[in-house]
Amino acid sequence: MNAFDMSENSEKKIGRDLFGNEKDKDFSKIENQINKPISFDEALKDDLIDDDIIKNEIVKESTSNLGEVTAICAIYTNAYFSSIVLSEFDGVYYYLKKVAHAFHKYPQITEENLNNELSDNEIFNIKLSTLNELLEKFDINKKTTVFVSSIGGQNVVEYHSLIANDEDQLRDKLIDVMITPFDTLNTRVEFQVMSTSVSNEGRVFNVLAVAVDNDKFFDSYSLVTSAGIDCNIMDLDIMSTINLFEFAEKPELGKVYCILDIGYDLSSIVVYTKGSHDLYKRNLDFTYNSFRRQLSKNRDISKDEAEDLIANTSFYTFITKSFETQTQENLNKLYNVKSFIKTNLLNEIQKTFQFYASKNSSKMPEKIFITGIGTLIKNFDDFFGKTVDLKSDYLRISSRFKGSTEIKNRVEKESYIFCKPLGLSLRNN
C-alpha cells in the first residue's frame, strides 16, 4: 500500500507532495499542537532506555550497502515511546540489522500538582529528547533513507469514484465526501489515482484516499524535523501494518482478510480483498487501556493487578458466568466486563463485516490476524473461534526477514513495538 512519499521522483506518491509548500518552513517551535497524553503514569522524569537492547540488538549482518533504510515509529500513549528498525534490502532479501526502542513516562497528574502540569512545549521537548537519545545511543544515521510512521491518532482510508476536471478539483471533492471525525478546514487529504475512465458526465477518477488531522500531521513532522531527521516518507500506521501483513502472510488473490490492531489508546479493524482497491477501516473503542480500566473497576483492583489478570487469564474467561459470579454485585452492574467486550469488540467486528459484505458481493473475511498489544492478551487468538466461529492468529512478523536469531526473537516477542516500523521498512523496494 502506498504511503505519503516525500521524494521528488517517487512513483509511489499519493497525490501531491504531502508536505506541499511547507517543506522549507521551520516547524521546530510549534508549541500548541502537541496533544497531552490521555492518561498519566508514575512521576518519572528521566528517559528510560532498555539496557538489554545494547547487549542483544547491536548485531550486524554482512550485507551489501544497497537499500539501507531506517524506519521510525513514535507512539503516543500514557508513556511516549519510539521504536526503530534499521534494515537493508539487497534486491532479494530484507535484512534486520538493528532494532531498538525507548520510552519516557510523564509525571502523574494529581490534585496537588494539577496546576503544575507540563506545558505543550515541555511535552514536546520530552518527546524530542527521547527520540534523540535513541538515535544517538544506537548510532542511527539521520541522513540515511528514513521512513517515519508517527502520525498516530485517527485516520480515514476510503475508496471513491468521482467525476472531476483535474486532480485539484478531485481533492476538493474528496474533502467534501469523505466521512471523517475532523473539522473540514483541518483535514488533510492525500490520494492515489487507481484508474480513470470517461463517462457522459466527464472524467471519472477511481481513487484510494487518506484523510488525517492536519494538526496531528504537523505534530509528527515537527518532531522528526526538530530531531534533524531527513524524512523521505511519512506513512500512516495502518498502512505500515498492511505492508507487513502482505509481506509476512502472502495473502491469496481474491480472498478477504481482516487485520485487528489493538493499541493502548487506539485500536482499529481493517477488512480488504487482496488484489482489489476496496479497503474498509474503522476505529474501535476496545483498546488495551479501556479494557484494563473496565476490568480494574469491575474487580476493584489496581492497574497492575488488572494487567496481571489480562496477561494470565484466558480472554474468553472474561465473558463467562463463572467470572461474573466472582465479582461484587454492585461493581458488576456498573462496570460489566462481558457487556463491555460484546459492545466494544464483538458487535463492532460483526458490524464491520456486515457493512463490508453489503458493499462487496456478500464477501466475508475467512480469518482475523491480530497485531499490536493484542498479542499480549492471553489466548486472544482463540477467542474469536469460540464466539464468532472465525479462525484467528497472531501476525508472525519476522518470519520472512533475514537476520540474527537474537534480533528475530526479540522482534517476535515484542511485536507490538516493532510491527509498524517493520512494515514501514518494506517501503524500500
Protein backbone atom coordinates (compact mmCIF):
# COMPACT_ATOMS: atom_id res chain seq x y z
CA MET A 1 0.00 0.00 0.00
CA ASN A 2 1.21 3.48 -0.72
CA ALA A 3 2.44 5.95 1.82
CA PHE A 4 2.88 9.69 1.94
CA ASP A 5 6.05 9.80 -0.16
CA MET A 6 8.36 12.75 0.28
CA SER A 7 10.82 12.06 -2.53
CA GLU A 8 10.55 14.24 -5.63
CA ASN A 9 10.60 11.48 -8.25
CA SER A 10 8.79 8.69 -6.49
CA GLU A 11 6.33 6.57 -8.42
CA LYS A 12 4.55 5.73 -5.15
CA LYS A 13 3.35 9.22 -4.28
CA ILE A 14 -0.25 9.69 -3.11
CA GLY A 15 -1.47 12.84 -4.85
CA ARG A 16 0.75 15.85 -4.41
CA ASP A 17 3.65 16.18 -2.02
CA LEU A 18 2.15 15.65 1.45
CA PHE A 19 4.30 18.40 2.87
CA GLY A 20 3.37 20.67 -0.06
CA ASN A 21 4.92 24.10 0.30
CA GLU A 22 5.62 23.55 3.96
CA LYS A 23 8.86 21.67 3.32
CA ASP A 24 11.08 24.74 3.62
CA LYS A 25 9.38 26.14 6.70
CA ASP A 26 10.69 25.85 10.24
CA PHE A 27 8.33 23.79 12.40
CA SER A 28 10.76 23.32 15.27
CA LYS A 29 8.95 25.81 17.51
CA ILE A 30 5.41 24.52 17.18
CA GLU A 31 4.15 24.62 20.76
CA ASN A 32 0.39 24.46 20.65
CA GLN A 33 -0.23 21.36 18.57
CA ILE A 34 1.15 18.64 20.85
CA ASN A 35 -1.66 16.59 22.32
CA LYS A 36 -1.35 15.80 26.02
CA PRO A 37 -1.46 12.10 26.93
CA ILE A 38 -4.90 10.72 27.75
CA SER A 39 -3.68 9.21 30.99
CA PHE A 40 -0.60 9.70 33.09
CA ASP A 41 1.70 7.27 34.86
CA GLU A 42 4.35 7.40 37.55
CA ALA A 43 6.28 10.61 38.06
CA LEU A 44 9.43 9.59 36.24
CA LYS A 45 11.28 12.41 34.54
CA ASP A 46 14.33 10.62 33.18
CA ASP A 47 14.34 8.90 29.80
CA LEU A 48 14.31 5.14 30.25
CA ILE A 49 16.31 3.22 27.68
CA ASP A 50 16.13 -0.56 27.70
CA ASP A 51 19.70 -1.59 28.56
CA ASP A 52 19.06 -5.13 27.32
CA ILE A 53 18.90 -3.75 23.81
CA ILE A 54 22.58 -2.85 23.97
CA LYS A 55 23.51 -6.45 24.72
CA ASN A 56 21.11 -8.13 22.32
CA GLU A 57 20.47 -5.88 19.39
CA ILE A 58 23.63 -4.24 18.10
CA VAL A 59 24.07 -7.07 15.64
CA LYS A 60 25.04 -6.53 12.02
CA GLU A 61 24.72 -8.96 9.16
CA SER A 62 27.36 -8.87 6.43
CA THR A 63 25.26 -7.47 3.62
CA SER A 64 25.78 -5.02 0.82
CA ASN A 65 25.21 -1.28 1.12
CA LEU A 66 22.20 -1.39 -1.19
CA GLY A 67 18.93 -0.10 0.20
CA GLU A 68 19.75 0.58 3.86
CA VAL A 69 16.78 2.23 5.49
CA THR A 70 15.81 3.39 8.98
CA ALA A 71 12.13 3.13 9.94
CA ILE A 72 10.90 5.04 12.99
CA CYS A 73 7.55 4.69 14.74
CA ALA A 74 6.60 7.09 17.54
CA ILE A 75 3.61 6.07 19.63
CA TYR A 76 1.69 8.45 21.89
CA THR A 77 0.19 6.77 24.92
CA ASN A 78 0.30 7.39 28.65
CA ALA A 79 4.02 6.79 28.11
CA TYR A 80 5.52 8.20 24.93
CA PHE A 81 7.89 5.80 23.23
CA SER A 82 9.68 5.34 19.94
CA SER A 83 10.77 2.21 18.13
CA ILE A 84 13.37 1.94 15.39
CA VAL A 85 14.21 -0.69 12.80
CA LEU A 86 17.35 -0.47 10.69
CA SER A 87 17.03 -2.80 7.74
CA GLU A 88 18.67 -3.40 4.39
CA PHE A 89 17.25 -4.61 1.09
CA ASP A 90 19.72 -6.19 -1.34
CA GLY A 91 17.26 -6.63 -4.18
CA VAL A 92 16.16 -10.08 -2.99
CA TYR A 93 16.05 -10.22 0.82
CA TYR A 94 15.31 -7.86 3.68
CA TYR A 95 17.93 -7.97 6.45
CA LEU A 96 17.22 -6.81 10.01
CA LYS A 97 20.34 -5.05 11.24
CA LYS A 98 19.25 -3.18 14.38
CA VAL A 99 16.05 -2.89 16.37
CA ALA A 100 15.58 -0.69 19.41
CA HIS A 101 13.00 1.19 21.43
CA ALA A 102 12.89 3.77 24.19
CA PHE A 103 10.14 5.30 26.27
CA HIS A 104 9.50 8.14 28.67
CA LYS A 105 6.78 8.24 31.31
CA TYR A 106 5.19 11.59 32.04
CA PRO A 107 4.67 12.82 35.63
CA GLN A 108 1.38 11.78 37.13
CA ILE A 109 -1.33 14.42 37.45
CA THR A 110 -2.74 14.60 40.95
CA GLU A 111 -4.90 17.10 42.84
CA GLU A 112 -1.74 18.54 44.38
CA ASN A 113 0.06 19.24 41.12
CA LEU A 114 -2.95 19.77 38.86
CA ASN A 115 -1.99 23.37 38.18
CA ASN A 116 1.63 22.44 37.56
CA GLU A 117 1.15 20.00 34.72
CA LEU A 118 3.59 20.00 31.82
CA SER A 119 3.11 22.58 29.11
CA ASP A 120 2.80 21.56 25.46
CA ASN A 121 6.34 22.74 24.88
CA GLU A 122 7.70 20.69 27.80
CA ILE A 123 5.96 17.57 26.50
CA PHE A 124 7.37 18.22 23.04
CA ASN A 125 10.89 18.52 24.49
CA ILE A 126 10.46 15.23 26.35
CA LYS A 127 9.49 13.50 23.12
CA LEU A 128 12.37 15.11 21.25
CA SER A 129 14.98 14.17 23.87
CA THR A 130 13.69 10.57 23.95
CA LEU A 131 13.93 10.27 20.18
CA ASN A 132 17.36 11.92 20.03
CA GLU A 133 18.77 9.73 22.79
CA LEU A 134 17.51 6.64 21.00
CA LEU A 135 19.09 7.71 17.70
CA GLU A 136 22.41 8.59 19.32
CA LYS A 137 22.62 5.57 21.61
CA PHE A 138 22.24 3.17 18.73
CA ASP A 139 24.29 5.16 16.25
CA ILE A 140 21.45 5.69 13.78
CA ASN A 141 22.49 7.85 10.84
CA LYS A 142 19.81 10.52 10.42
CA LYS A 143 20.86 11.13 6.84
CA THR A 144 20.26 7.61 5.52
CA THR A 145 16.92 6.88 3.91
CA VAL A 146 14.48 7.42 6.77
CA PHE A 147 10.80 6.47 6.78
CA VAL A 148 8.62 7.67 9.63
CA SER A 149 5.30 6.32 10.88
CA SER A 150 4.23 8.62 13.65
CA ILE A 151 1.04 10.37 12.61
CA GLY A 152 -0.92 8.32 15.13
CA GLY A 153 -4.41 9.30 16.17
CA GLN A 154 -7.36 8.73 13.91
CA ASN A 155 -7.06 8.42 10.15
CA VAL A 156 -9.56 7.51 7.48
CA VAL A 157 -8.96 5.42 4.35
CA GLU A 158 -11.70 5.32 1.71
CA TYR A 159 -12.16 4.31 -1.93
CA HIS A 160 -14.12 6.72 -4.14
CA SER A 161 -15.18 7.14 -7.76
CA LEU A 162 -15.66 10.83 -8.53
CA ILE A 163 -16.12 12.98 -11.62
CA ALA A 164 -13.66 15.87 -11.82
CA ASN A 165 -11.85 18.01 -14.38
CA ASP A 166 -8.44 17.58 -12.77
CA GLU A 167 -6.73 16.42 -9.56
CA ASP A 168 -7.10 19.80 -7.83
CA GLN A 169 -10.87 19.65 -8.23
CA LEU A 170 -10.77 15.99 -7.25
CA ARG A 171 -9.03 16.87 -3.98
CA ASP A 172 -11.70 19.46 -3.13
CA LYS A 173 -14.46 16.92 -3.82
CA LEU A 174 -12.76 14.28 -1.66
CA ILE A 175 -12.68 16.65 1.32
CA ASP A 176 -16.44 17.11 0.92
CA VAL A 177 -17.40 13.43 0.50
CA MET A 178 -15.03 11.71 2.94
CA ILE A 179 -16.61 10.93 6.30
CA THR A 180 -14.06 11.94 8.93
CA PRO A 181 -14.06 12.91 12.61
CA PHE A 182 -12.02 16.02 11.76
CA ASP A 183 -13.12 19.56 11.11
CA THR A 184 -13.33 20.03 7.33
CA LEU A 185 -10.98 23.02 7.43
CA ASN A 186 -8.45 20.99 9.41
CA THR A 187 -8.48 17.85 7.24
CA ARG A 188 -5.50 16.88 5.13
CA VAL A 189 -6.40 14.57 2.23
CA GLU A 190 -3.97 12.66 0.04
CA PHE A 191 -4.92 10.15 -2.63
CA GLN A 192 -3.69 7.65 -5.18
CA VAL A 193 -5.46 7.52 -8.54
CA MET A 194 -6.01 3.82 -9.18
CA SER A 195 -7.69 4.16 -12.61
CA THR A 196 -9.64 6.62 -14.76
CA SER A 197 -12.45 6.35 -17.30
CA VAL A 198 -14.70 8.64 -19.31
CA SER A 199 -18.46 8.91 -18.89
CA ASN A 200 -21.15 11.15 -20.40
CA GLU A 201 -20.73 13.47 -17.42
CA GLY A 202 -16.94 13.78 -17.63
CA ARG A 203 -13.74 12.12 -16.45
CA VAL A 204 -14.15 9.54 -13.68
CA PHE A 205 -11.34 9.13 -11.13
CA ASN A 206 -11.18 5.94 -9.05
CA VAL A 207 -9.03 6.81 -6.04
CA LEU A 208 -7.81 5.44 -2.74
CA ALA A 209 -7.88 8.43 -0.40
CA VAL A 210 -6.47 9.01 3.08
CA ALA A 211 -7.56 11.75 5.46
CA VAL A 212 -5.70 12.81 8.59
CA ASP A 213 -5.97 15.58 11.13
CA ASN A 214 -3.74 18.42 9.92
CA ASP A 215 -2.60 19.32 13.44
CA LYS A 216 -1.68 15.71 14.20
CA PHE A 217 0.31 15.57 10.98
CA PHE A 218 2.34 18.65 11.91
CA ASP A 219 2.85 17.30 15.44
CA SER A 220 4.72 14.42 13.87
CA TYR A 221 6.51 16.45 11.23
CA SER A 222 7.71 18.96 13.82
CA LEU A 223 9.11 16.16 15.97
CA VAL A 224 11.13 14.43 13.26
CA THR A 225 12.45 17.63 11.69
CA SER A 226 13.47 19.01 15.10
CA ALA A 227 15.47 15.80 15.62
CA GLY A 228 17.37 16.56 12.42
CA ILE A 229 15.86 13.62 10.53
CA ASP A 230 15.60 13.79 6.76
CA CYS A 231 12.17 12.21 6.35
CA ASN A 232 11.64 10.55 2.98
CA ILE A 233 8.22 9.05 3.64
CA MET A 234 5.67 9.70 6.36
CA ASP A 235 3.34 6.74 6.45
CA LEU A 236 0.08 6.01 8.23
CA ASP A 237 0.39 3.38 10.94
CA ILE A 238 -2.34 1.19 9.48
CA MET A 239 -0.73 1.23 6.03
CA SER A 240 2.53 0.07 7.59
CA THR A 241 0.66 -2.83 9.18
CA ILE A 242 -0.90 -3.83 5.86
CA ASN A 243 2.53 -3.69 4.18
CA LEU A 244 3.87 -6.10 6.78
CA PHE A 245 0.83 -8.38 6.55
CA GLU A 246 1.19 -8.75 2.79
CA PHE A 247 4.92 -9.42 3.13
CA ALA A 248 4.60 -11.91 6.00
CA GLU A 249 1.45 -13.81 5.01
CA LYS A 250 1.45 -13.61 1.19
CA PRO A 251 -2.37 -13.33 1.01
CA GLU A 252 -4.12 -15.06 -1.86
CA LEU A 253 -5.62 -13.04 -4.69
CA GLY A 254 -9.36 -12.51 -4.32
CA LYS A 255 -9.59 -13.59 -0.67
CA VAL A 256 -10.92 -11.29 2.05
CA TYR A 257 -8.73 -10.63 5.07
CA CYS A 258 -9.18 -8.89 8.41
CA ILE A 259 -6.45 -7.23 10.47
CA LEU A 260 -7.32 -6.39 14.07
CA ASP A 261 -4.80 -3.90 15.50
CA ILE A 262 -5.21 -3.44 19.26
CA GLY A 263 -3.43 -0.40 20.68
CA TYR A 264 -3.02 1.14 24.11
CA ASP A 265 -5.37 4.02 23.36
CA LEU A 266 -6.36 3.49 19.72
CA SER A 267 -7.49 0.27 18.05
CA SER A 268 -8.66 -0.33 14.50
CA ILE A 269 -10.02 -3.04 12.25
CA VAL A 270 -9.26 -3.31 8.54
CA VAL A 271 -11.05 -5.52 6.01
CA TYR A 272 -9.83 -5.77 2.44
CA THR A 273 -9.64 -8.11 -0.53
CA LYS A 274 -6.22 -8.93 -1.94
CA GLY A 275 -6.00 -7.61 -5.48
CA SER A 276 -8.92 -5.24 -5.05
CA HIS A 277 -8.91 -1.50 -4.40
CA ASP A 278 -11.53 -1.93 -1.70
CA LEU A 279 -10.33 -1.30 1.83
CA TYR A 280 -12.51 -0.67 4.86
CA LYS A 281 -11.09 0.62 8.13
CA ARG A 282 -12.75 1.79 11.31
CA ASN A 283 -11.56 2.64 14.78
CA LEU A 284 -12.68 0.60 17.79
CA ASP A 285 -13.48 1.71 21.32
CA PHE A 286 -11.96 -1.52 22.60
CA THR A 287 -8.36 -0.67 23.48
CA TYR A 288 -5.91 -2.19 25.93
CA ASN A 289 -6.23 0.72 28.34
CA SER A 290 -10.04 0.97 28.14
CA PHE A 291 -10.35 -2.76 28.82
CA ARG A 292 -7.83 -2.62 31.64
CA ARG A 293 -9.74 0.27 33.27
CA GLN A 294 -13.04 -1.59 32.96
CA LEU A 295 -11.52 -4.71 34.47
CA SER A 296 -9.93 -2.74 37.29
CA LYS A 297 -13.24 -1.11 38.22
CA ASN A 298 -15.17 -4.35 37.85
CA ARG A 299 -12.95 -6.27 40.26
CA ASP A 300 -12.00 -3.24 42.39
CA ILE A 301 -8.29 -3.92 41.83
CA SER A 302 -5.24 -1.84 40.99
CA LYS A 303 -3.91 -1.14 37.50
CA ASP A 304 -1.04 -3.60 37.99
CA GLU A 305 -3.38 -6.31 39.22
CA ALA A 306 -5.64 -5.77 36.20
CA GLU A 307 -2.67 -6.07 33.84
CA ASP A 308 -1.62 -9.32 35.52
CA LEU A 309 -5.17 -10.62 35.10
CA ILE A 310 -5.11 -9.78 31.37
CA ALA A 311 -1.73 -11.45 30.90
CA ASN A 312 -2.59 -14.64 32.82
CA THR A 313 -6.31 -15.22 32.22
CA SER A 314 -7.67 -16.67 29.01
CA PHE A 315 -9.57 -13.83 27.34
CA TYR A 316 -12.68 -15.96 26.80
CA THR A 317 -12.99 -16.35 30.58
CA PHE A 318 -13.97 -12.68 30.89
CA ILE A 319 -17.34 -13.28 29.20
CA THR A 320 -18.26 -16.41 31.17
CA LYS A 321 -20.72 -16.64 34.05
CA SER A 322 -18.08 -18.08 36.35
CA PHE A 323 -16.11 -14.83 36.04
CA GLU A 324 -19.19 -12.71 36.69
CA THR A 325 -20.07 -14.58 39.87
CA GLN A 326 -16.65 -13.79 41.34
CA THR A 327 -17.31 -10.05 41.11
CA GLN A 328 -19.00 -7.83 43.65
CA GLU A 329 -22.62 -7.34 42.61
CA ASN A 330 -22.66 -3.54 42.60
CA LEU A 331 -19.41 -3.26 40.62
CA ASN A 332 -20.52 -5.96 38.21
CA LYS A 333 -23.60 -3.94 37.24
CA LEU A 334 -21.77 -0.65 36.83
CA TYR A 335 -18.70 -1.95 35.03
CA ASN A 336 -19.79 -5.19 33.41
CA VAL A 337 -16.80 -6.71 31.60
CA LYS A 338 -18.83 -9.13 29.48
CA SER A 339 -21.06 -6.33 28.23
CA PHE A 340 -18.02 -4.13 27.54
CA ILE A 341 -16.37 -6.82 25.39
CA LYS A 342 -19.56 -7.59 23.49
CA THR A 343 -20.43 -3.96 22.84
CA ASN A 344 -17.00 -2.56 22.01
CA LEU A 345 -15.34 -5.54 20.36
CA LEU A 346 -17.63 -8.33 19.14
CA ASN A 347 -20.52 -6.15 17.98
CA GLU A 348 -18.16 -3.75 16.25
CA ILE A 349 -16.39 -6.57 14.40
CA GLN A 350 -19.72 -8.04 13.27
CA LYS A 351 -20.98 -4.63 12.08
CA THR A 352 -17.74 -4.11 10.18
CA PHE A 353 -18.05 -7.47 8.42
CA GLN A 354 -21.71 -6.88 7.58
CA PHE A 355 -21.01 -3.47 6.12
CA TYR A 356 -18.11 -4.75 4.04
CA ALA A 357 -20.20 -7.67 2.78
CA SER A 358 -23.04 -5.33 1.78
CA LYS A 359 -20.64 -3.37 -0.43
CA ASN A 360 -18.66 -6.33 -1.78
CA SER A 361 -20.99 -9.06 -3.05
CA SER A 362 -21.51 -10.63 0.40
CA LYS A 363 -17.80 -11.42 0.79
CA MET A 364 -16.66 -12.09 4.36
CA PRO A 365 -13.19 -12.48 5.89
CA GLU A 366 -12.03 -16.05 6.42
CA LYS A 367 -9.55 -15.23 9.17
CA ILE A 368 -8.61 -12.49 11.64
CA PHE A 369 -4.95 -11.56 12.03
CA ILE A 370 -4.14 -9.89 15.35
CA THR A 371 -1.43 -7.25 15.77
CA GLY A 372 -0.42 -4.64 18.31
CA ILE A 373 -0.83 -5.05 22.04
CA GLY A 374 -3.43 -7.74 21.34
CA THR A 375 -0.51 -10.15 21.14
CA LEU A 376 -0.04 -9.72 24.92
CA ILE A 377 -3.64 -10.64 25.79
CA LYS A 378 -3.68 -14.29 26.77
CA ASN A 379 -5.42 -16.61 24.26
CA PHE A 380 -6.85 -13.61 22.43
CA ASP A 381 -6.46 -15.57 19.18
CA ASP A 382 -8.69 -18.42 20.46
CA PHE A 383 -11.46 -16.06 21.50
CA PHE A 384 -12.92 -15.43 18.03
CA GLY A 385 -13.20 -19.10 17.15
CA LYS A 386 -15.35 -19.60 20.25
CA THR A 387 -17.53 -16.52 19.78
CA VAL A 388 -17.91 -15.70 16.08
CA ASP A 389 -16.73 -19.04 14.63
CA LEU A 390 -13.85 -17.42 12.78
CA LYS A 391 -10.24 -18.52 12.64
CA SER A 392 -7.71 -16.11 14.05
CA ASP A 393 -4.00 -15.93 14.65
CA TYR A 394 -1.28 -13.52 15.68
CA LEU A 395 0.60 -11.96 12.80
CA ARG A 396 4.08 -13.55 12.75
CA ILE A 397 6.09 -10.52 11.81
CA SER A 398 9.71 -11.66 11.48
CA SER A 399 9.41 -14.93 9.58
CA ARG A 400 10.44 -13.68 6.15
CA PHE A 401 13.18 -11.29 7.25
CA LYS A 402 16.82 -12.29 7.29
CA GLY A 403 18.91 -11.53 10.34
CA SER A 404 20.34 -12.92 13.54
CA THR A 405 18.26 -15.23 15.71
CA GLU A 406 18.64 -12.76 18.58
CA ILE A 407 17.06 -9.91 16.65
CA LYS A 408 14.28 -12.01 15.16
CA ASN A 409 13.36 -13.48 18.54
CA ARG A 410 13.28 -10.01 20.07
CA VAL A 411 11.10 -8.66 17.29
CA GLU A 412 8.63 -11.54 17.58
CA LYS A 413 8.46 -11.34 21.37
CA GLU A 414 7.77 -7.60 21.26
CA SER A 415 5.84 -7.49 18.02
CA TYR A 416 3.52 -4.82 19.40
CA ILE A 417 6.53 -2.48 19.46
CA PHE A 418 8.17 -3.40 16.17
CA CYS A 419 5.22 -4.29 13.91
CA LYS A 420 4.73 -0.82 12.42
CA PRO A 421 8.37 0.15 11.81
CA LEU A 422 8.94 -3.27 10.20
CA GLY A 423 6.06 -2.66 7.83
CA LEU A 424 7.40 0.79 7.14
CA SER A 425 10.86 -0.53 6.29
CA LEU A 426 9.29 -2.58 3.47
CA ARG A 427 8.74 0.67 1.58
CA ASN A 428 12.33 0.28 0.46
CA ASN A 429 11.67 -1.85 -2.62
